[in-house]
Amino acid sequence: MEYRAPVYNADGNIDCEVNHPTLGWVLFTATPDDPDQKGIDLYNQIIADGSIDPYVPDPAVVESNIREGKKVEIKIDAINRVATVLPEIDTFDEILMMRKIYPAFTPTAAGTLAKDIYLYAKTKMDQADTAPIADVEAYDPTTDTGWPS
């Protein structure tokens, strides 16, 4: 089968164009487990030829993944910090819920600290959405000395 422009995709399969007898050049994804033997044969042919361009992820997707991953790190660090004073709190949503109901209860040192940690974490997560990507990548919540304590 005639093909051109093979390139690995994010799933590890091979995107290319094949020359269809009636449609001309059409996009096709070759996989080793294609339900049609012709697809498997094409995949094997492309692999044997060995001229496959590498997968290049979309920079916007990579940046988004870095930002979201950093926000998860911040949440985990916030949970660990709150757990030192309120061991019953073990999710970021519980910190959020405590912050929402906080005014209804007599303030305690632990409650105030948990609220302050939540607010600091929220600020840092907002910054992860807007800061230059190099700053987001470099930020380590576990070594940040600005956390309330």
N, C-alpha and C. Protein backbone atom coordinates (compact mmCIF):
# COMPACT_ATOMS: atom_id res chain seq x y z
N MET A 1 0.85 -1.18 0.00
CA MET A 1 0.00 0.00 0.00
C MET A 1 0.90 1.24 0.00
N GLU A 2 0.55 2.22 -0.77
CA GLU A 2 1.34 3.44 -0.86
C GLU A 2 0.95 4.38 0.30
N TYR A 3 1.97 4.87 1.00
CA TYR A 3 1.75 5.79 2.11
C TYR A 3 2.80 6.90 2.06
N ARG A 4 2.53 7.96 2.85
CA ARG A 4 3.51 9.04 2.96
C ARG A 4 3.33 9.74 4.31
N ALA A 5 4.36 10.47 4.69
CA ALA A 5 4.36 11.32 5.89
C ALA A 5 4.02 10.57 7.18
N PRO A 6 4.67 9.43 7.46
CA PRO A 6 4.37 8.73 8.72
C PRO A 6 4.97 9.47 9.92
N VAL A 7 4.18 9.58 10.96
CA VAL A 7 4.63 10.21 12.19
C VAL A 7 3.94 9.51 13.37
N TYR A 8 4.74 9.27 14.42
CA TYR A 8 4.14 8.69 15.62
C TYR A 8 3.16 9.68 16.23
N ASN A 9 2.08 9.15 16.81
CA ASN A 9 1.12 10.02 17.51
C ASN A 9 1.26 9.81 19.02
N ALA A 10 0.46 10.51 19.79
CA ALA A 10 0.55 10.45 21.25
C ALA A 10 0.28 9.07 21.81
N ASP A 11 -0.44 8.24 21.07
CA ASP A 11 -0.76 6.89 21.53
C ASP A 11 0.29 5.86 21.14
N GLY A 12 1.33 6.29 20.40
CA GLY A 12 2.36 5.36 19.96
C GLY A 12 2.03 4.68 18.64
N ASN A 13 0.90 5.03 18.06
CA ASN A 13 0.54 4.50 16.74
C ASN A 13 1.13 5.43 15.68
N ILE A 14 0.86 5.15 14.43
CA ILE A 14 1.48 5.92 13.35
C ILE A 14 0.41 6.58 12.50
N ASP A 15 0.42 7.91 12.49
CA ASP A 15 -0.46 8.67 11.61
C ASP A 15 0.27 8.86 10.28
N CYS A 16 -0.48 8.73 9.19
CA CYS A 16 0.11 8.91 7.87
C CYS A 16 -1.00 9.21 6.88
N GLU A 17 -0.62 9.32 5.63
CA GLU A 17 -1.60 9.41 4.54
C GLU A 17 -1.44 8.17 3.68
N VAL A 18 -2.54 7.62 3.25
CA VAL A 18 -2.49 6.48 2.33
C VAL A 18 -3.18 6.88 1.03
N ASN A 19 -2.71 6.30 -0.05
CA ASN A 19 -3.28 6.60 -1.37
C ASN A 19 -4.42 5.63 -1.63
N HIS A 20 -5.63 6.09 -1.38
CA HIS A 20 -6.82 5.27 -1.59
C HIS A 20 -7.13 5.22 -3.08
N PRO A 21 -7.55 4.06 -3.60
CA PRO A 21 -7.77 3.94 -5.04
C PRO A 21 -8.83 4.87 -5.61
N THR A 22 -9.83 5.25 -4.82
CA THR A 22 -10.86 6.15 -5.37
C THR A 22 -10.86 7.52 -4.70
N LEU A 23 -10.41 7.61 -3.47
CA LEU A 23 -10.46 8.88 -2.73
C LEU A 23 -9.16 9.67 -2.82
N GLY A 24 -8.11 9.06 -3.30
CA GLY A 24 -6.81 9.72 -3.32
C GLY A 24 -6.16 9.65 -1.95
N TRP A 25 -5.35 10.63 -1.61
CA TRP A 25 -4.63 10.64 -0.35
C TRP A 25 -5.58 10.96 0.81
N VAL A 26 -5.64 10.04 1.78
CA VAL A 26 -6.50 10.22 2.95
C VAL A 26 -5.69 9.95 4.21
N LEU A 27 -6.10 10.59 5.30
CA LEU A 27 -5.44 10.36 6.58
C LEU A 27 -5.76 8.96 7.09
N PHE A 28 -4.76 8.35 7.73
CA PHE A 28 -4.93 7.00 8.24
C PHE A 28 -4.04 6.83 9.47
N THR A 29 -4.53 6.11 10.46
CA THR A 29 -3.71 5.76 11.62
C THR A 29 -3.45 4.27 11.58
N ALA A 30 -2.18 3.93 11.45
CA ALA A 30 -1.78 2.53 11.40
C ALA A 30 -1.48 2.05 12.82
N THR A 31 -2.05 0.90 13.16
CA THR A 31 -1.85 0.33 14.49
C THR A 31 -1.51 -1.15 14.37
N PRO A 32 -0.77 -1.68 15.33
CA PRO A 32 -0.42 -3.10 15.28
C PRO A 32 -1.61 -4.02 15.57
N ASP A 33 -2.69 -3.44 16.10
CA ASP A 33 -3.85 -4.26 16.44
C ASP A 33 -5.09 -3.85 15.65
N ASP A 34 -4.86 -3.35 14.45
CA ASP A 34 -5.97 -2.95 13.57
C ASP A 34 -6.87 -4.16 13.33
N PRO A 35 -8.19 -3.97 13.32
CA PRO A 35 -9.08 -5.12 13.08
C PRO A 35 -8.98 -5.65 11.64
N ASP A 36 -8.43 -4.85 10.74
CA ASP A 36 -8.28 -5.28 9.34
C ASP A 36 -6.82 -5.65 9.10
N GLN A 37 -6.59 -6.80 8.51
CA GLN A 37 -5.23 -7.25 8.26
C GLN A 37 -4.44 -6.26 7.40
N LYS A 38 -5.12 -5.56 6.49
CA LYS A 38 -4.42 -4.57 5.66
C LYS A 38 -3.82 -3.45 6.51
N GLY A 39 -4.53 -3.07 7.58
CA GLY A 39 -4.01 -2.05 8.48
C GLY A 39 -2.78 -2.54 9.23
N ILE A 40 -2.82 -3.77 9.67
CA ILE A 40 -1.66 -4.36 10.36
C ILE A 40 -0.48 -4.46 9.40
N ASP A 41 -0.75 -4.90 8.17
CA ASP A 41 0.31 -5.00 7.16
C ASP A 41 0.94 -3.64 6.89
N LEU A 42 0.12 -2.60 6.80
CA LEU A 42 0.64 -1.26 6.57
C LEU A 42 1.50 -0.82 7.75
N TYR A 43 1.02 -1.05 8.95
CA TYR A 43 1.79 -0.71 10.15
C TYR A 43 3.17 -1.38 10.09
N ASN A 44 3.18 -2.68 9.83
CA ASN A 44 4.44 -3.43 9.76
C ASN A 44 5.34 -2.92 8.64
N GLN A 45 4.76 -2.55 7.51
CA GLN A 45 5.52 -2.01 6.39
C GLN A 45 6.20 -0.69 6.79
N ILE A 46 5.44 0.18 7.44
CA ILE A 46 6.00 1.47 7.86
C ILE A 46 7.12 1.25 8.87
N ILE A 47 6.91 0.36 9.82
CA ILE A 47 7.95 0.04 10.82
C ILE A 47 9.19 -0.49 10.12
N ALA A 48 9.01 -1.39 9.18
CA ALA A 48 10.14 -1.98 8.46
C ALA A 48 10.90 -0.93 7.65
N ASP A 49 10.17 0.00 7.06
CA ASP A 49 10.82 1.06 6.29
C ASP A 49 11.62 1.99 7.20
N GLY A 50 11.14 2.18 8.42
CA GLY A 50 11.89 2.91 9.43
C GLY A 50 11.99 4.41 9.27
N SER A 51 11.21 5.01 8.45
CA SER A 51 11.32 6.47 8.25
C SER A 51 10.12 7.19 8.89
N ILE A 52 9.98 7.03 10.19
CA ILE A 52 8.83 7.58 10.91
C ILE A 52 9.29 8.79 11.71
N ASP A 53 8.63 9.91 11.50
CA ASP A 53 8.96 11.10 12.29
C ASP A 53 8.51 10.89 13.73
N PRO A 54 9.24 11.46 14.68
CA PRO A 54 8.86 11.30 16.09
C PRO A 54 7.61 12.11 16.42
N TYR A 55 6.97 11.70 17.48
CA TYR A 55 5.83 12.44 17.99
C TYR A 55 6.33 13.73 18.62
N VAL A 56 5.71 14.83 18.28
CA VAL A 56 6.03 16.12 18.88
C VAL A 56 4.75 16.64 19.53
N PRO A 57 4.71 16.66 20.85
CA PRO A 57 3.49 17.10 21.52
C PRO A 57 3.21 18.57 21.28
N ASP A 58 1.95 18.92 21.32
CA ASP A 58 1.52 20.30 21.20
C ASP A 58 2.05 21.08 22.40
N PRO A 59 2.82 22.14 22.17
CA PRO A 59 3.38 22.90 23.30
C PRO A 59 2.31 23.43 24.27
N ALA A 60 1.16 23.79 23.76
CA ALA A 60 0.09 24.29 24.63
C ALA A 60 -0.40 23.19 25.57
N VAL A 61 -0.46 21.95 25.07
CA VAL A 61 -0.89 20.83 25.91
C VAL A 61 0.17 20.53 26.96
N VAL A 62 1.43 20.56 26.55
CA VAL A 62 2.52 20.32 27.51
C VAL A 62 2.48 21.37 28.62
N GLU A 63 2.33 22.63 28.24
CA GLU A 63 2.29 23.70 29.24
C GLU A 63 1.10 23.52 30.18
N SER A 64 -0.05 23.19 29.62
CA SER A 64 -1.24 22.99 30.44
C SER A 64 -1.03 21.84 31.43
N ASN A 65 -0.40 20.76 30.98
CA ASN A 65 -0.14 19.62 31.85
C ASN A 65 0.82 19.99 32.98
N ILE A 66 1.82 20.81 32.66
CA ILE A 66 2.76 21.26 33.70
C ILE A 66 2.03 22.09 34.74
N ARG A 67 1.19 23.02 34.28
CA ARG A 67 0.46 23.89 35.21
C ARG A 67 -0.49 23.07 36.09
N GLU A 68 -1.23 22.14 35.49
CA GLU A 68 -2.16 21.31 36.27
C GLU A 68 -1.42 20.42 37.25
N GLY A 69 -0.29 19.87 36.83
CA GLY A 69 0.52 19.03 37.72
C GLY A 69 1.04 19.81 38.91
N LYS A 70 1.45 21.06 38.67
CA LYS A 70 1.95 21.89 39.76
C LYS A 70 0.83 22.19 40.75
N LYS A 71 -0.38 22.41 40.25
CA LYS A 71 -1.50 22.68 41.15
C LYS A 71 -1.79 21.46 42.03
N VAL A 72 -1.63 20.28 41.49
CA VAL A 72 -1.81 19.06 42.29
C VAL A 72 -0.73 19.00 43.38
N GLU A 73 0.52 19.31 43.02
CA GLU A 73 1.58 19.34 44.03
C GLU A 73 1.25 20.32 45.15
N ILE A 74 0.74 21.48 44.80
CA ILE A 74 0.40 22.50 45.80
C ILE A 74 -0.72 21.98 46.71
N LYS A 75 -1.74 21.34 46.12
CA LYS A 75 -2.83 20.79 46.93
C LYS A 75 -2.31 19.74 47.90
N ILE A 76 -1.45 18.85 47.41
CA ILE A 76 -0.92 17.80 48.28
C ILE A 76 -0.12 18.41 49.42
N ASP A 77 0.70 19.40 49.11
CA ASP A 77 1.48 20.04 50.17
C ASP A 77 0.57 20.73 51.18
N ALA A 78 -0.48 21.38 50.69
CA ALA A 78 -1.43 22.04 51.60
C ALA A 78 -2.10 21.01 52.51
N ILE A 79 -2.51 19.89 51.95
CA ILE A 79 -3.14 18.83 52.76
C ILE A 79 -2.18 18.35 53.83
N ASN A 80 -0.93 18.11 53.45
CA ASN A 80 0.07 17.64 54.42
C ASN A 80 0.29 18.66 55.53
N ARG A 81 0.28 19.93 55.17
CA ARG A 81 0.48 20.97 56.18
C ARG A 81 -0.72 21.07 57.14
N VAL A 82 -1.93 21.00 56.59
CA VAL A 82 -3.12 21.06 57.44
C VAL A 82 -3.20 19.82 58.32
N ALA A 83 -2.80 18.67 57.79
CA ALA A 83 -2.87 17.43 58.56
C ALA A 83 -2.00 17.46 59.81
N THR A 84 -1.00 18.34 59.85
CA THR A 84 -0.18 18.42 61.06
C THR A 84 -0.94 19.02 62.23
N VAL A 85 -1.97 19.83 61.95
CA VAL A 85 -2.75 20.44 63.03
C VAL A 85 -4.18 19.90 63.09
N LEU A 86 -4.67 19.40 61.98
CA LEU A 86 -6.02 18.81 61.92
C LEU A 86 -5.93 17.48 61.16
N PRO A 87 -5.53 16.41 61.84
CA PRO A 87 -5.30 15.13 61.15
C PRO A 87 -6.56 14.55 60.49
N GLU A 88 -7.73 15.00 60.92
CA GLU A 88 -8.96 14.48 60.32
C GLU A 88 -9.22 15.05 58.92
N ILE A 89 -8.52 16.11 58.54
CA ILE A 89 -8.66 16.71 57.22
C ILE A 89 -7.67 16.02 56.29
N ASP A 90 -8.17 15.32 55.26
CA ASP A 90 -7.24 14.62 54.39
C ASP A 90 -7.47 14.85 52.89
N THR A 91 -8.32 15.83 52.55
CA THR A 91 -8.46 16.20 51.14
C THR A 91 -8.53 17.72 51.03
N PHE A 92 -8.17 18.21 49.87
CA PHE A 92 -8.22 19.65 49.66
C PHE A 92 -9.66 20.14 49.73
N ASP A 93 -10.61 19.34 49.27
CA ASP A 93 -12.02 19.72 49.34
C ASP A 93 -12.47 19.89 50.79
N GLU A 94 -11.93 19.07 51.69
CA GLU A 94 -12.28 19.21 53.10
C GLU A 94 -11.74 20.52 53.67
N ILE A 95 -10.56 20.92 53.21
CA ILE A 95 -10.03 22.22 53.64
C ILE A 95 -10.96 23.33 53.14
N LEU A 96 -11.37 23.21 51.89
CA LEU A 96 -12.29 24.19 51.31
C LEU A 96 -13.60 24.23 52.10
N MET A 97 -14.16 23.08 52.40
CA MET A 97 -15.41 23.02 53.16
C MET A 97 -15.22 23.65 54.54
N MET A 98 -14.10 23.35 55.18
CA MET A 98 -13.84 23.94 56.49
C MET A 98 -13.75 25.46 56.39
N ARG A 99 -13.14 25.95 55.31
CA ARG A 99 -13.04 27.40 55.12
C ARG A 99 -14.42 28.02 54.96
N LYS A 100 -15.32 27.33 54.27
CA LYS A 100 -16.66 27.87 54.06
C LYS A 100 -17.48 27.89 55.34
N ILE A 101 -17.29 26.89 56.18
CA ILE A 101 -18.08 26.83 57.42
C ILE A 101 -17.33 27.47 58.60
N TYR A 102 -16.08 27.84 58.41
CA TYR A 102 -15.24 28.39 59.46
C TYR A 102 -15.91 29.49 60.28
N PRO A 103 -16.53 30.50 59.65
CA PRO A 103 -17.09 31.60 60.47
C PRO A 103 -18.17 31.15 61.45
N ALA A 104 -18.80 30.03 61.20
CA ALA A 104 -19.88 29.57 62.07
C ALA A 104 -19.36 28.95 63.36
N PHE A 105 -18.06 28.70 63.44
CA PHE A 105 -17.50 28.05 64.61
C PHE A 105 -16.57 29.00 65.36
N THR A 106 -16.36 28.68 66.62
CA THR A 106 -15.42 29.47 67.40
C THR A 106 -14.03 29.25 66.80
N PRO A 107 -13.36 30.33 66.44
CA PRO A 107 -12.04 30.17 65.83
C PRO A 107 -11.06 29.47 66.77
N THR A 108 -10.29 28.59 66.21
CA THR A 108 -9.22 27.93 66.95
C THR A 108 -7.92 28.19 66.20
N ALA A 109 -6.81 28.00 66.87
CA ALA A 109 -5.51 28.20 66.22
C ALA A 109 -5.38 27.24 65.03
N ALA A 110 -5.81 26.00 65.21
CA ALA A 110 -5.72 25.02 64.12
C ALA A 110 -6.63 25.41 62.96
N GLY A 111 -7.83 25.85 63.27
CA GLY A 111 -8.76 26.27 62.23
C GLY A 111 -8.27 27.48 61.47
N THR A 112 -7.71 28.42 62.19
CA THR A 112 -7.16 29.62 61.55
C THR A 112 -5.99 29.25 60.65
N LEU A 113 -5.11 28.38 61.13
CA LEU A 113 -3.97 27.96 60.32
C LEU A 113 -4.43 27.21 59.07
N ALA A 114 -5.41 26.32 59.22
CA ALA A 114 -5.92 25.59 58.06
C ALA A 114 -6.51 26.54 57.03
N LYS A 115 -7.25 27.53 57.50
CA LYS A 115 -7.83 28.53 56.59
C LYS A 115 -6.72 29.30 55.88
N ASP A 116 -5.70 29.72 56.61
CA ASP A 116 -4.60 30.46 56.02
C ASP A 116 -3.83 29.62 55.01
N ILE A 117 -3.64 28.36 55.31
CA ILE A 117 -2.96 27.45 54.37
C ILE A 117 -3.79 27.31 53.11
N TYR A 118 -5.08 27.14 53.25
CA TYR A 118 -5.96 27.04 52.08
C TYR A 118 -5.83 28.29 51.21
N LEU A 119 -5.92 29.46 51.83
CA LEU A 119 -5.86 30.71 51.07
C LEU A 119 -4.50 30.87 50.38
N TYR A 120 -3.44 30.48 51.05
CA TYR A 120 -2.11 30.56 50.44
C TYR A 120 -2.01 29.60 49.26
N ALA A 121 -2.52 28.37 49.45
CA ALA A 121 -2.49 27.38 48.37
C ALA A 121 -3.30 27.87 47.18
N LYS A 122 -4.46 28.45 47.46
CA LYS A 122 -5.30 28.96 46.38
C LYS A 122 -4.57 30.05 45.60
N THR A 123 -3.88 30.94 46.29
CA THR A 123 -3.10 31.99 45.63
C THR A 123 -2.02 31.37 44.76
N LYS A 124 -1.32 30.38 45.27
CA LYS A 124 -0.25 29.73 44.51
C LYS A 124 -0.80 28.98 43.29
N MET A 125 -1.99 28.37 43.44
CA MET A 125 -2.59 27.68 42.30
C MET A 125 -3.02 28.68 41.23
N ASP A 126 -3.54 29.83 41.65
CA ASP A 126 -3.89 30.88 40.69
C ASP A 126 -2.63 31.36 39.96
N GLN A 127 -1.53 31.48 40.69
CA GLN A 127 -0.27 31.90 40.06
C GLN A 127 0.22 30.84 39.07
N ALA A 128 -0.04 29.57 39.35
CA ALA A 128 0.37 28.50 38.44
C ALA A 128 -0.34 28.61 37.10
N ASP A 129 -1.52 29.25 37.11
CA ASP A 129 -2.26 29.46 35.85
C ASP A 129 -1.71 30.62 35.04
N THR A 130 -1.04 31.57 35.69
CA THR A 130 -0.68 32.81 35.00
C THR A 130 0.81 33.11 34.93
N ALA A 131 1.60 32.53 35.80
CA ALA A 131 3.04 32.83 35.83
C ALA A 131 3.73 32.26 34.59
N PRO A 132 4.88 32.82 34.24
CA PRO A 132 5.65 32.23 33.15
C PRO A 132 5.92 30.75 33.44
N ILE A 133 5.88 29.93 32.42
CA ILE A 133 5.97 28.48 32.59
C ILE A 133 7.27 28.07 33.29
N ALA A 134 8.36 28.77 33.04
CA ALA A 134 9.62 28.44 33.71
C ALA A 134 9.50 28.63 35.22
N ASP A 135 8.79 29.66 35.65
CA ASP A 135 8.58 29.89 37.08
C ASP A 135 7.70 28.80 37.69
N VAL A 136 6.69 28.39 36.93
CA VAL A 136 5.79 27.33 37.41
C VAL A 136 6.59 26.03 37.59
N GLU A 137 7.40 25.69 36.60
CA GLU A 137 8.19 24.47 36.69
C GLU A 137 9.18 24.51 37.85
N ALA A 138 9.74 25.68 38.12
CA ALA A 138 10.77 25.81 39.16
C ALA A 138 10.19 25.83 40.58
N TYR A 139 8.91 26.19 40.72
CA TYR A 139 8.32 26.33 42.05
C TYR A 139 8.20 24.97 42.74
N ASP A 140 8.68 24.90 43.98
CA ASP A 140 8.58 23.69 44.78
C ASP A 140 7.82 24.04 46.06
N PRO A 141 6.57 23.60 46.17
CA PRO A 141 5.80 23.97 47.36
C PRO A 141 6.39 23.45 48.65
N THR A 142 7.15 22.37 48.59
CA THR A 142 7.68 21.80 49.84
C THR A 142 8.83 22.63 50.41
N THR A 143 9.43 23.48 49.59
CA THR A 143 10.52 24.32 50.09
C THR A 143 10.14 25.79 50.18
N ASP A 144 8.90 26.11 49.85
CA ASP A 144 8.41 27.50 49.91
C ASP A 144 8.32 27.92 51.37
N THR A 145 9.03 28.97 51.73
CA THR A 145 9.04 29.44 53.13
C THR A 145 7.91 30.42 53.42
N GLY A 146 7.05 30.69 52.45
CA GLY A 146 5.96 31.64 52.67
C GLY A 146 4.70 31.02 53.24
N TRP A 147 4.66 29.69 53.35
CA TRP A 147 3.45 29.04 53.87
C TRP A 147 3.17 29.49 55.30
N PRO A 148 1.90 29.70 55.63
CA PRO A 148 1.56 30.02 57.03
C PRO A 148 1.95 28.86 57.94
N SER A 149 2.38 29.21 59.13
CA SER A 149 2.74 28.13 60.09
C SER A 149 2.42 28.57 61.50
